[in-house]
C-alpha atoms as a PDB file:
ATOM      1  CA  MET A   1      -7.354  12.313  15.981  1.00  0.00           C
ATOM      2  CA  SER A   2      -4.170  12.662  13.888  1.00  0.00           C
ATOM      3  CA  ASN A   3      -3.358   9.842  11.493  1.00  0.00           C
ATOM      4  CA  GLU A   4       0.121   9.879  13.041  1.00  0.00           C
ATOM      5  CA  THR A   5      -1.222   8.936  16.482  1.00  0.00           C
ATOM      6  CA  ALA A   6      -1.447   5.237  17.310  1.00  0.00           C
ATOM      7  CA  PHE A   7      -4.692   4.227  18.979  1.00  0.00           C
ATOM      8  CA  PRO A   8      -5.795   0.847  20.392  1.00  0.00           C
ATOM      9  CA  LEU A   9      -8.455  -1.221  18.650  1.00  0.00           C
ATOM     10  CA  VAL A  10      -9.870  -4.604  19.589  1.00  0.00           C
ATOM     11  CA  VAL A  11     -10.211  -7.610  17.304  1.00  0.00           C
ATOM     12  CA  ALA A  12     -14.014  -7.871  17.296  1.00  0.00           C
ATOM     13  CA  GLU A  13     -14.253 -10.506  14.551  1.00  0.00           C
ATOM     14  CA  ARG A  14     -11.776 -12.941  13.045  1.00  0.00           C
ATOM     15  CA  GLU A  15     -12.747 -15.110  10.066  1.00  0.00           C
ATOM     16  CA  ILE A  16     -11.066 -17.403   7.557  1.00  0.00           C
ATOM     17  CA  ALA A  17     -11.476 -15.734   4.161  1.00  0.00           C
ATOM     18  CA  ALA A  18      -9.542 -18.248   2.040  1.00  0.00           C
ATOM     19  CA  ASP A  19      -6.678 -20.704   2.316  1.00  0.00           C
ATOM     20  CA  GLY A  20      -4.000 -18.839   4.265  1.00  0.00           C
ATOM     21  CA  VAL A  21      -6.063 -15.629   4.513  1.00  0.00           C
ATOM     22  CA  ILE A  22      -7.910 -14.244   7.516  1.00  0.00           C
ATOM     23  CA  THR A  23     -10.006 -11.118   7.871  1.00  0.00           C
ATOM     24  CA  LEU A  24      -9.954  -9.093  11.067  1.00  0.00           C
ATOM     25  CA  THR A  25     -12.634  -6.603  12.066  1.00  0.00           C
ATOM     26  CA  LEU A  26     -11.226  -3.980  14.425  1.00  0.00           C
ATOM     27  CA  ARG A  27     -13.313  -1.750  16.695  1.00  0.00           C
ATOM     28  CA  ASP A  28     -12.803   0.728  19.506  1.00  0.00           C
ATOM     29  CA  ALA A  29     -13.321  -0.953  22.881  1.00  0.00           C
ATOM     30  CA  GLY A  30     -15.651   1.837  23.982  1.00  0.00           C
ATOM     31  CA  GLY A  31     -17.631   1.964  20.757  1.00  0.00           C
ATOM     32  CA  ALA A  32     -16.203   5.289  19.560  1.00  0.00           C
ATOM     33  CA  ALA A  33     -16.258   6.273  15.900  1.00  0.00           C
ATOM     34  CA  LEU A  34     -13.035   5.732  13.951  1.00  0.00           C
ATOM     35  CA  PRO A  35     -11.255   8.135  11.582  1.00  0.00           C
ATOM     36  CA  ALA A  36     -12.915   8.267   8.170  1.00  0.00           C
ATOM     37  CA  TRP A  37     -11.330   6.663   5.121  1.00  0.00           C
ATOM     38  CA  GLU A  38     -11.874   6.291   1.373  1.00  0.00           C
ATOM     39  CA  PRO A  39     -11.337   3.319  -0.970  1.00  0.00           C
ATOM     40  CA  GLY A  40      -7.645   2.558  -1.432  1.00  0.00           C
ATOM     41  CA  ALA A  41      -6.683   3.521   2.134  1.00  0.00           C
ATOM     42  CA  HIS A  42      -4.571   1.430   4.483  1.00  0.00           C
ATOM     43  CA  VAL A  43      -3.770   1.403   8.177  1.00  0.00           C
ATOM     44  CA  ASP A  44      -0.554   0.664  10.044  1.00  0.00           C
ATOM     45  CA  LEU A  45      -0.617  -2.080  12.655  1.00  0.00           C
ATOM     46  CA  VAL A  46       2.017  -1.437  15.303  1.00  0.00           C
ATOM     47  CA  LEU A  47       2.667  -5.068  16.175  1.00  0.00           C
ATOM     48  CA  GLU A  48       5.855  -4.539  18.184  1.00  0.00           C
ATOM     49  CA  ALA A  49       8.231  -1.631  18.751  1.00  0.00           C
ATOM     50  CA  ALA A  50      10.188  -2.409  15.583  1.00  0.00           C
ATOM     51  CA  MET A  51       7.425  -4.140  13.639  1.00  0.00           C
ATOM     52  CA  VAL A  52       4.930  -1.906  11.854  1.00  0.00           C
ATOM     53  CA  ARG A  53       2.978  -3.314   8.923  1.00  0.00           C
ATOM     54  CA  GLN A  54       0.471  -1.832   6.472  1.00  0.00           C
ATOM     55  CA  TYR A  55      -2.808  -3.502   5.539  1.00  0.00           C
ATOM     56  CA  SER A  56      -5.420  -2.232   3.084  1.00  0.00           C
ATOM     57  CA  LEU A  57      -8.891  -1.525   4.397  1.00  0.00           C
ATOM     58  CA  CYS A  58     -11.368  -3.806   2.645  1.00  0.00           C
ATOM     59  CA  GLY A  59     -14.617  -3.056   4.472  1.00  0.00           C
ATOM     60  CA  ASN A  60     -17.263  -0.383   4.009  1.00  0.00           C
ATOM     61  CA  PRO A  61     -16.066   3.254   4.267  1.00  0.00           C
ATOM     62  CA  ALA A  62     -19.560   4.248   5.413  1.00  0.00           C
ATOM     63  CA  ASP A  63     -19.108   2.125   8.556  1.00  0.00           C
ATOM     64  CA  ARG A  64     -17.417   4.575  10.927  1.00  0.00           C
ATOM     65  CA  TYR A  65     -17.201   2.062  13.770  1.00  0.00           C
ATOM     66  CA  SER A  66     -15.068  -0.728  12.345  1.00  0.00           C
ATOM     67  CA  TYR A  67     -12.069  -1.370  10.128  1.00  0.00           C
ATOM     68  CA  GLN A  68     -11.680  -4.626   8.213  1.00  0.00           C
ATOM     69  CA  ILE A  69      -8.382  -5.946   6.873  1.00  0.00           C
ATOM     70  CA  GLY A  70      -7.400  -9.130   5.053  1.00  0.00           C
ATOM     71  CA  VAL A  71      -4.048 -10.725   5.887  1.00  0.00           C
ATOM     72  CA  LEU A  72      -2.270 -13.463   3.962  1.00  0.00           C
ATOM     73  CA  ARG A  73      -0.018 -15.720   6.005  1.00  0.00           C
ATOM     74  CA  GLU A  74       3.335 -15.425   4.229  1.00  0.00           C
ATOM     75  CA  PRO A  75       6.026 -17.665   5.755  1.00  0.00           C
ATOM     76  CA  ARG A  76       8.757 -15.878   3.789  1.00  0.00           C
ATOM     77  CA  SER A  77       7.707 -12.440   5.027  1.00  0.00           C
ATOM     78  CA  ARG A  78       9.535 -10.362   7.635  1.00  0.00           C
ATOM     79  CA  GLY A  79       7.248 -11.714  10.356  1.00  0.00           C
ATOM     80  CA  GLY A  80       4.279  -9.351  10.276  1.00  0.00           C
ATOM     81  CA  SER A  81       1.713 -11.698   8.758  1.00  0.00           C
ATOM     82  CA  ILE A  82       2.789 -14.564  11.022  1.00  0.00           C
ATOM     83  CA  HIS A  83       2.400 -12.268  14.034  1.00  0.00           C
ATOM     84  CA  VAL A  84      -1.131 -11.321  12.922  1.00  0.00           C
ATOM     85  CA  HIS A  85      -2.162 -14.925  12.250  1.00  0.00           C
ATOM     86  CA  ASP A  86      -0.633 -16.442  15.375  1.00  0.00           C
ATOM     87  CA  ARG A  87      -0.990 -13.708  17.989  1.00  0.00           C
ATOM     88  CA  LEU A  88      -4.046 -11.601  17.143  1.00  0.00           C
ATOM     89  CA  SER A  89      -7.067 -13.562  18.292  1.00  0.00           C
ATOM     90  CA  LEU A  90     -10.633 -12.564  19.118  1.00  0.00           C
ATOM     91  CA  GLY A  91     -10.451  -9.900  21.821  1.00  0.00           C
ATOM     92  CA  SER A  92      -6.802  -9.000  21.236  1.00  0.00           C
ATOM     93  CA  THR A  93      -5.819  -5.336  21.320  1.00  0.00           C
ATOM     94  CA  VAL A  94      -3.584  -3.885  18.614  1.00  0.00           C
ATOM     95  CA  LEU A  95      -2.246  -0.370  18.071  1.00  0.00           C
ATOM     96  CA  VAL A  96      -3.352   1.213  14.797  1.00  0.00           C
ATOM     97  CA  ARG A  97      -2.167   4.303  12.923  1.00  0.00           C
ATOM     98  CA  GLY A  98      -3.885   5.974  10.014  1.00  0.00           C
ATOM     99  CA  PRO A  99      -5.728   5.637   7.821  1.00  0.00           C
ATOM    100  CA  ARG A 100      -3.595   6.893   4.920  1.00  0.00           C
ATOM    101  CA  ASN A 101      -4.304   6.676   1.217  1.00  0.00           C
ATOM    102  CA  ASN A 102      -1.600   6.281  -1.441  1.00  0.00           C
ATOM    103  CA  PHE A 103      -3.956   4.514  -3.861  1.00  0.00           C
ATOM    104  CA  ARG A 104      -6.785   6.971  -4.331  1.00  0.00           C
ATOM    105  CA  LEU A 105      -9.747   6.131  -6.521  1.00  0.00           C
ATOM    106  CA  LEU A 106     -10.062   8.880  -9.119  1.00  0.00           C
ATOM    107  CA  PRO A 107     -13.309   9.659 -10.967  1.00  0.00           C
ATOM    108  CA  SER A 108     -13.690   8.020 -14.377  1.00  0.00           C
ATOM    109  CA  ALA A 109     -16.341   6.760 -16.763  1.00  0.00           C
ATOM    110  CA  ARG A 110     -14.723   3.297 -16.920  1.00  0.00           C
ATOM    111  CA  TYR A 111     -12.429   1.171 -14.784  1.00  0.00           C
ATOM    112  CA  LEU A 112     -10.439  -2.010 -15.218  1.00  0.00           C
ATOM    113  CA  PHE A 113      -9.438  -3.649 -11.942  1.00  0.00           C
ATOM    114  CA  ILE A 114      -6.694  -6.283 -11.904  1.00  0.00           C
ATOM    115  CA  ALA A 115      -5.975  -8.197  -8.697  1.00  0.00           C
ATOM    116  CA  GLY A 116      -3.390 -10.795  -7.844  1.00  0.00           C
ATOM    117  CA  GLY A 117      -3.932 -12.822  -4.665  1.00  0.00           C
ATOM    118  CA  ILE A 118      -4.233 -10.716  -1.520  1.00  0.00           C
ATOM    119  CA  GLY A 119      -4.028  -7.656  -3.787  1.00  0.00           C
ATOM    120  CA  ILE A 120      -7.819  -7.927  -3.999  1.00  0.00           C
ATOM    121  CA  THR A 121      -8.201  -6.215  -0.602  1.00  0.00           C
ATOM    122  CA  PRO A 122      -7.982  -2.525  -1.613  1.00  0.00           C
ATOM    123  CA  LEU A 123     -10.022  -3.195  -4.740  1.00  0.00           C
ATOM    124  CA  VAL A 124     -13.097  -4.525  -2.896  1.00  0.00           C
ATOM    125  CA  PRO A 125     -14.262  -1.105  -1.585  1.00  0.00           C
ATOM    126  CA  MET A 126     -13.240   0.520  -4.879  1.00  0.00           C
ATOM    127  CA  ILE A 127     -15.515  -1.822  -6.791  1.00  0.00           C
ATOM    128  CA  ALA A 128     -18.394  -1.141  -4.412  1.00  0.00           C
ATOM    129  CA  SER A 129     -17.876   2.604  -4.859  1.00  0.00           C
ATOM    130  CA  VAL A 130     -17.757   2.654  -8.664  1.00  0.00           C
ATOM    131  CA  SER A 131     -20.665   0.229  -8.889  1.00  0.00           C
ATOM    132  CA  ALA A 132     -22.793   2.487  -6.677  1.00  0.00           C
ATOM    133  CA  ALA A 133     -21.790   5.477  -8.800  1.00  0.00           C
ATOM    134  CA  GLY A 134     -22.966   3.753 -11.976  1.00  0.00           C
ATOM    135  CA  SER A 135     -19.563   3.656 -13.676  1.00  0.00           C
ATOM    136  CA  LYS A 136     -18.670   0.915 -16.119  1.00  0.00           C
ATOM    137  CA  TRP A 137     -16.087  -1.523 -14.779  1.00  0.00           C
ATOM    138  CA  ARG A 138     -14.802  -5.071 -14.673  1.00  0.00           C
ATOM    139  CA  LEU A 139     -12.450  -7.061 -12.462  1.00  0.00           C
ATOM    140  CA  VAL A 140      -9.900  -9.666 -13.524  1.00  0.00           C
ATOM    141  CA  TYR A 141      -8.798 -11.579 -10.429  1.00  0.00           C
ATOM    142  CA  GLY A 142      -5.942 -14.080 -10.446  1.00  0.00           C
ATOM    143  CA  GLY A 143      -4.617 -16.302  -7.674  1.00  0.00           C
ATOM    144  CA  ARG A 144      -2.701 -19.516  -7.050  1.00  0.00           C
ATOM    145  CA  THR A 145      -5.829 -21.648  -6.580  1.00  0.00           C
ATOM    146  CA  ARG A 146      -9.546 -20.942  -6.375  1.00  0.00           C
ATOM    147  CA  ALA A 147      -9.501 -21.804  -2.662  1.00  0.00           C
ATOM    148  CA  SER A 148      -6.782 -19.211  -1.993  1.00  0.00           C
ATOM    149  CA  MET A 149      -8.733 -16.292  -3.495  1.00  0.00           C
ATOM    150  CA  ALA A 150     -10.356 -14.251  -0.741  1.00  0.00           C
ATOM    151  CA  PHE A 151     -13.692 -12.506  -1.408  1.00  0.00           C
ATOM    152  CA  ALA A 152     -14.154 -14.346  -4.728  1.00  0.00           C
ATOM    153  CA  ASP A 153     -17.511 -15.885  -3.786  1.00  0.00           C
ATOM    154  CA  GLN A 154     -18.901 -12.620  -2.421  1.00  0.00           C
ATOM    155  CA  LEU A 155     -17.811 -10.686  -5.493  1.00  0.00           C
ATOM    156  CA  LEU A 156     -19.318 -13.211  -7.876  1.00  0.00           C
ATOM    157  CA  ALA A 157     -22.573 -13.322  -5.936  1.00  0.00           C
ATOM    158  CA  ARG A 158     -22.892  -9.544  -5.906  1.00  0.00           C
ATOM    159  CA  TYR A 159     -21.580  -8.549  -9.340  1.00  0.00           C
ATOM    160  CA  GLY A 160     -21.842 -11.644 -11.516  1.00  0.00           C
ATOM    161  CA  GLU A 161     -20.388 -11.409 -15.013  1.00  0.00           C
ATOM    162  CA  LYS A 162     -18.368  -8.285 -14.238  1.00  0.00           C
ATOM    163  CA  ILE A 163     -16.033 -10.528 -12.240  1.00  0.00           C
ATOM    164  CA  SER A 164     -13.531 -12.836 -13.971  1.00  0.00           C
ATOM    165  CA  ILE A 165     -11.941 -15.340 -11.564  1.00  0.00           C
ATOM    166  CA  ARG A 166      -8.786 -16.909 -13.039  1.00  0.00           C
ATOM    167  CA  PRO A 167      -6.941 -19.271 -10.653  1.00  0.00           C
ATOM    168  CA  GLN A 168      -3.484 -20.080 -11.940  1.00  0.00           C
ATOM    169  CA  ASP A 169      -3.717 -23.843 -11.415  1.00  0.00           C
ATOM    170  CA  LEU A 170      -6.648 -23.960 -13.857  1.00  0.00           C
ATOM    171  CA  HIS A 171      -5.973 -21.111 -16.290  1.00  0.00           C
ATOM    172  CA  GLY A 172      -2.285 -20.246 -15.968  1.00  0.00           C
ATOM    173  CA  LEU A 173      -1.088 -16.684 -15.545  1.00  0.00           C
ATOM    174  CA  LEU A 174      -3.440 -13.828 -16.352  1.00  0.00           C
ATOM    175  CA  ASP A 175      -3.566 -13.176 -20.095  1.00  0.00           C
ATOM    176  CA  LEU A 176      -2.364  -9.593 -19.824  1.00  0.00           C
ATOM    177  CA  PRO A 177      -1.554  -9.198 -23.538  1.00  0.00           C
ATOM    178  CA  SER A 178      -5.222  -9.851 -24.269  1.00  0.00           C
ATOM    179  CA  ILE A 179      -6.590  -7.890 -21.303  1.00  0.00           C
ATOM    180  CA  LEU A 180      -4.447  -4.809 -21.999  1.00  0.00           C
ATOM    181  CA  GLN A 181      -3.773  -5.151 -25.722  1.00  0.00           C
ATOM    182  CA  GLU A 182      -5.496  -1.931 -26.738  1.00  0.00           C
ATOM    183  CA  PRO A 183      -5.539   1.272 -24.683  1.00  0.00           C
ATOM    184  CA  ALA A 184      -9.148   1.917 -23.709  1.00  0.00           C
ATOM    185  CA  GLU A 185     -10.359   5.500 -23.825  1.00  0.00           C
ATOM    186  CA  GLU A 186     -11.512   7.098 -20.556  1.00  0.00           C
ATOM    187  CA  THR A 187     -10.507   3.961 -18.648  1.00  0.00           C
ATOM    188  CA  LEU A 188      -8.447   3.888 -15.475  1.00  0.00           C
ATOM    189  CA  VAL A 189      -6.591   0.700 -14.569  1.00  0.00           C
ATOM    190  CA  TYR A 190      -6.190  -0.137 -10.882  1.00  0.00           C
ATOM    191  CA  CYS A 191      -3.894  -3.032 -10.063  1.00  0.00           C
ATOM    192  CA  CYS A 192      -2.634  -4.542  -6.823  1.00  0.00           C
ATOM    193  CA  GLY A 193      -0.769  -7.788  -6.253  1.00  0.00           C
ATOM    194  CA  PRO A 194       2.679  -9.361  -6.282  1.00  0.00           C
ATOM    195  CA  GLU A 195       5.582  -7.579  -7.947  1.00  0.00           C
ATOM    196  CA  PRO A 196       5.750  -9.796 -11.097  1.00  0.00           C
ATOM    197  CA  LEU A 197       2.106  -8.958 -11.851  1.00  0.00           C
ATOM    198  CA  LEU A 198       2.612  -5.231 -11.283  1.00  0.00           C
ATOM    199  CA  ALA A 199       5.732  -5.153 -13.452  1.00  0.00           C
ATOM    200  CA  ALA A 200       3.930  -6.974 -16.261  1.00  0.00           C
ATOM    201  CA  VAL A 201       0.893  -4.684 -16.057  1.00  0.00           C
ATOM    202  CA  GLU A 202       3.160  -1.616 -16.152  1.00  0.00           C
ATOM    203  CA  GLN A 203       4.860  -2.999 -19.244  1.00  0.00           C
ATOM    204  CA  HIS A 204       1.590  -3.679 -21.045  1.00  0.00           C
ATOM    205  CA  CYS A 205       0.179  -0.259 -20.096  1.00  0.00           C
ATOM    206  CA  ALA A 206       3.211   1.615 -21.435  1.00  0.00           C
ATOM    207  CA  THR A 207       1.209   2.686 -24.500  1.00  0.00           C
ATOM    208  CA  TRP A 208      -1.847   3.751 -22.521  1.00  0.00           C
ATOM    209  CA  THR A 209      -2.589   7.387 -21.717  1.00  0.00           C
ATOM    210  CA  ARG A 210      -0.224   8.770 -19.100  1.00  0.00           C
ATOM    211  CA  GLY A 211      -1.892   8.519 -15.711  1.00  0.00           C
ATOM    212  CA  ALA A 212      -4.287   5.752 -16.721  1.00  0.00           C
ATOM    213  CA  LEU A 213      -2.515   3.109 -14.634  1.00  0.00           C
ATOM    214  CA  HIS A 214      -2.552   3.114 -10.834  1.00  0.00           C
ATOM    215  CA  VAL A 215      -0.755   0.425  -8.849  1.00  0.00           C
ATOM    216  CA  GLU A 216      -0.150  -0.302  -5.190  1.00  0.00           C
ATOM    217  CA  ARG A 217       2.840  -2.309  -4.048  1.00  0.00           C
ATOM    218  CA  PHE A 218       3.130  -4.400  -0.893  1.00  0.00           C
ATOM    219  CA  SER A 219       6.922  -4.515  -1.177  1.00  0.00           C
ATOM    220  CA  ALA A 220       9.654  -2.420  -2.746  1.00  0.00           C
ATOM    221  CA  LYS A 221      10.118  -2.378  -6.490  1.00  0.00           C
ATOM    222  CA  PRO A 222      13.373  -4.135  -7.446  1.00  0.00           C
ATOM    223  CA  ALA A 223      16.215  -1.711  -8.136  1.00  0.00           C
ATOM    224  CA  GLU A 224      17.096  -1.516 -11.827  1.00  0.00           C
ATOM    225  CA  THR A 225      20.821  -1.119 -11.162  1.00  0.00           C
ATOM    226  CA  ALA A 226      23.102  -1.347  -8.173  1.00  0.00           C
ATOM    227  CA  ARG A 227      23.747   2.064  -6.642  1.00  0.00           C
ATOM    228  CA  ILE A 228      26.815   3.284  -4.790  1.00  0.00           C
ATOM    229  CA  ASN A 229      26.040   5.176  -1.611  1.00  0.00           C
ATOM    230  CA  SER A 230      27.918   8.309  -0.595  1.00  0.00           C
ATOM    231  CA  ALA A 231      27.820  10.282   2.628  1.00  0.00           C
ATOM    232  CA  PHE A 232      25.966  13.619   2.668  1.00  0.00           C
ATOM    233  CA  GLU A 233      24.621  16.216   5.084  1.00  0.00           C
ATOM    234  CA  VAL A 234      21.028  16.880   6.049  1.00  0.00           C
ATOM    235  CA  GLN A 235      20.118  20.228   7.529  1.00  0.00           C
ATOM    236  CA  LEU A 236      16.981  20.123   9.662  1.00  0.00           C
ATOM    237  CA  ILE A 237      15.219  23.493   9.567  1.00  0.00           C
ATOM    238  CA  LEU A 238      12.770  22.885  12.435  1.00  0.00           C
ATOM    239  CA  SER A 239      15.214  21.078  14.729  1.00  0.00           C
ATOM    240  CA  GLY A 240      18.127  23.400  14.020  1.00  0.00           C
ATOM    241  CA  LYS A 241      20.486  20.467  13.491  1.00  0.00           C
ATOM    242  CA  THR A 242      22.881  19.500  10.725  1.00  0.00           C
ATOM    243  CA  ILE A 243      23.684  15.783  10.596  1.00  0.00           C
ATOM    244  CA  MET A 244      26.025  13.741   8.440  1.00  0.00           C
ATOM    245  CA  VAL A 245      24.395  10.669   6.875  1.00  0.00           C
ATOM    246  CA  PRO A 246      27.064   7.989   6.361  1.00  0.00           C
ATOM    247  CA  ALA A 247      27.188   5.818   3.266  1.00  0.00           C
ATOM    248  CA  ASP A 248      26.095   2.706   5.145  1.00  0.00           C
ATOM    249  CA  LYS A 249      22.993   4.157   6.819  1.00  0.00           C
ATOM    250  CA  SER A 250      19.709   5.666   5.674  1.00  0.00           C
ATOM    251  CA  VAL A 251      18.515   9.155   6.522  1.00  0.00           C
ATOM    252  CA  LEU A 252      15.867   7.596   8.747  1.00  0.00           C
ATOM    253  CA  GLU A 253      18.367   5.505  10.698  1.00  0.00           C
ATOM    254  CA  THR A 254      20.719   8.452  11.111  1.00  0.00           C
ATOM    255  CA  LEU A 255      17.987  10.757  12.374  1.00  0.00           C
ATOM    256  CA  GLN A 256      16.735   8.144  14.832  1.00  0.00           C
ATOM    257  CA  GLU A 257      20.243   7.727  16.235  1.00  0.00           C
ATOM    258  CA  ALA A 258      20.464  11.515  16.624  1.00  0.00           C
ATOM    259  CA  GLY A 259      17.264  11.548  18.672  1.00  0.00           C
ATOM    260  CA  VAL A 260      15.087  13.140  15.986  1.00  0.00           C
ATOM    261  CA  GLU A 261      11.555  11.733  16.124  1.00  0.00           C
ATOM    262  CA  VAL A 262      10.324  10.731  12.663  1.00  0.00           C
ATOM    263  CA  MET A 263       7.269   8.710  11.645  1.00  0.00           C
ATOM    264  CA  TRP A 264       8.069   5.491   9.781  1.00  0.00           C
ATOM    265  CA  ALA A 265       6.538   2.121   9.040  1.00  0.00           C
ATOM    266  CA  CYS A 266       7.679  -0.011   6.108  1.00  0.00           C
ATOM    267  CA  SER A 267      11.383   0.966   5.769  1.00  0.00           C
ATOM    268  CA  GLU A 268      11.055  -0.008   2.083  1.00  0.00           C
ATOM    269  CA  GLY A 269       9.727   3.150   0.459  1.00  0.00           C
ATOM    270  CA  VAL A 270       6.230   1.857  -0.235  1.00  0.00           C
ATOM    271  CA  CYS A 271       3.948   3.309   2.468  1.00  0.00           C
ATOM    272  CA  ARG A 272       4.751   7.074   2.457  1.00  0.00           C
ATOM    273  CA  THR A 273       4.693   7.226   6.254  1.00  0.00           C
ATOM    274  CA  CYS A 274       8.169   8.813   6.386  1.00  0.00           C
ATOM    275  CA  GLU A 275       7.511  11.214   3.502  1.00  0.00           C
ATOM    276  CA  THR A 276       9.441  14.399   4.254  1.00  0.00           C
ATOM    277  CA  THR A 277       9.354  17.850   2.663  1.00  0.00           C
ATOM    278  CA  VAL A 278      12.635  18.845   1.023  1.00  0.00           C
ATOM    279  CA  ILE A 279      13.405  22.581   1.095  1.00  0.00           C
ATOM    280  CA  SER A 280      16.447  22.389  -1.165  1.00  0.00           C
ATOM    281  CA  GLY A 281      18.769  19.841  -2.730  1.00  0.00           C
ATOM    282  CA  THR A 282      18.614  17.112  -5.360  1.00  0.00           C
ATOM    283  CA  ILE A 283      17.202  13.732  -4.353  1.00  0.00           C
ATOM    284  CA  ASP A 284      18.276  10.254  -5.374  1.00  0.00           C
ATOM    285  CA  HIS A 285      14.778   8.748  -5.287  1.00  0.00           C
ATOM    286  CA  ARG A 286      14.693   5.047  -4.432  1.00  0.00           C
ATOM    287  CA  ASP A 287      11.094   4.641  -3.325  1.00  0.00           C
ATOM    288  CA  SER A 288       8.338   2.665  -5.016  1.00  0.00           C
ATOM    289  CA  VAL A 289       5.479   5.099  -4.503  1.00  0.00           C
ATOM    290  CA  LEU A 290       6.190   8.557  -5.968  1.00  0.00           C
ATOM    291  CA  SER A 291       5.125   9.322  -9.527  1.00  0.00           C
ATOM    292  CA  GLU A 292       7.616  10.581 -12.101  1.00  0.00           C
ATOM    293  CA  GLU A 293       6.132  14.072 -11.768  1.00  0.00           C
ATOM    294  CA  GLU A 294       6.524  13.979  -7.975  1.00  0.00           C
ATOM    295  CA  ARG A 295      10.124  12.811  -8.300  1.00  0.00           C
ATOM    296  CA  ALA A 296      10.977  15.543 -10.803  1.00  0.00           C
ATOM    297  CA  ALA A 297       9.780  18.234  -8.369  1.00  0.00           C
ATOM    298  CA  HIS A 298      12.488  17.286  -5.817  1.00  0.00           C
ATOM    299  CA  ASP A 299      10.338  18.618  -2.988  1.00  0.00           C
ATOM    300  CA  ARG A 300       9.664  15.424  -1.056  1.00  0.00           C
ATOM    301  CA  MET A 301      11.405  12.152  -0.292  1.00  0.00           C
ATOM    302  CA  MET A 302      10.990   8.858   1.545  1.00  0.00           C
ATOM    303  CA  ILE A 303      13.822   9.096   4.044  1.00  0.00           C
ATOM    304  CA  CYS A 304      13.801   5.369   4.761  1.00  0.00           C
ATOM    305  CA  VAL A 305      15.348   4.577   1.351  1.00  0.00           C
ATOM    306  CA  SER A 306      16.048   7.696  -0.730  1.00  0.00           C
ATOM    307  CA  ARG A 307      19.302   9.615  -0.490  1.00  0.00           C
ATOM    308  CA  ALA A 308      20.913  12.838  -1.682  1.00  0.00           C
ATOM    309  CA  ALA A 309      22.298  13.345  -5.161  1.00  0.00           C
ATOM    310  CA  CYS A 310      24.149  16.409  -3.870  1.00  0.00           C
ATOM    311  CA  PRO A 311      26.335  17.286  -0.877  1.00  0.00           C
ATOM    312  CA  ARG A 312      23.486  18.600   1.305  1.00  0.00           C
ATOM    313  CA  LEU A 313      19.718  18.284   1.635  1.00  0.00           C
ATOM    314  CA  VAL A 314      17.665  20.781   3.623  1.00  0.00           C
ATOM    315  CA  LEU A 315      14.643  19.091   5.200  1.00  0.00           C
ATOM    316  CA  GLN A 316      11.555  20.428   6.931  1.00  0.00           C
ATOM    317  CA  LEU A 317      12.216  18.499  10.135  1.00  0.00           C
END
């Protein structure tokens, strides 16, 4: 089964994990095995025709017959979390795509995990993996209140003193200057959570070894400066079409209007679903997922947000 093909799964279990957080266990109605995944992976839930949302898998990768996700009800979201909370009940069927992994767990002797709120979800299977492998690690987990922090009790019960639970109402914001004050040799930092936490962790890890920090964003990174859009052409090698992308539309929108089928999900440049190979041209990268090395290569782009920094891009579409 391709990870681009949506397939139906049934909500087999639904539990309250914390204040405002539910976990859903999804299974095939006929009991079939599901596509394999590794820690850090996520799946797309196709909630409606124009509503696709990504949720990190937080269960056991060895369990080939179920996926587990944790979903925070966010009233200020674009509607995905409210849809999941209000409309996906026990026995509901939902279309799923994936899994995909933009947050891969790399081998290391030591790990520092930093979670903020629902950002704990991709870290749970990572912690289980590195613990089983015998690596040295610790988790610093922050949240609004103790009651809002999903999986905290299970993590404490299983791993004890390796887990530091720091609810904001009791301890304030995470003490990142202390946590990250000195670059630690042979240590990888994995962080997931709200944008202010990720930005602060990136700042404090600026002096660490290049490649030591790995983050996953749930929403787009704020643009540093306002950018002026210009029109440009895209030549599609496989489709044999050349299309003008106007200044007020994205490549993705333009291709959809031209009848070109393209995979997409977030429309914010964070999920990599619309990642497209670039044959030639210079890219104005506006995503929140590619590394600096990947950007410098100018051989791939997220067509939902990134644009051309030249008159024409040639794409493998």
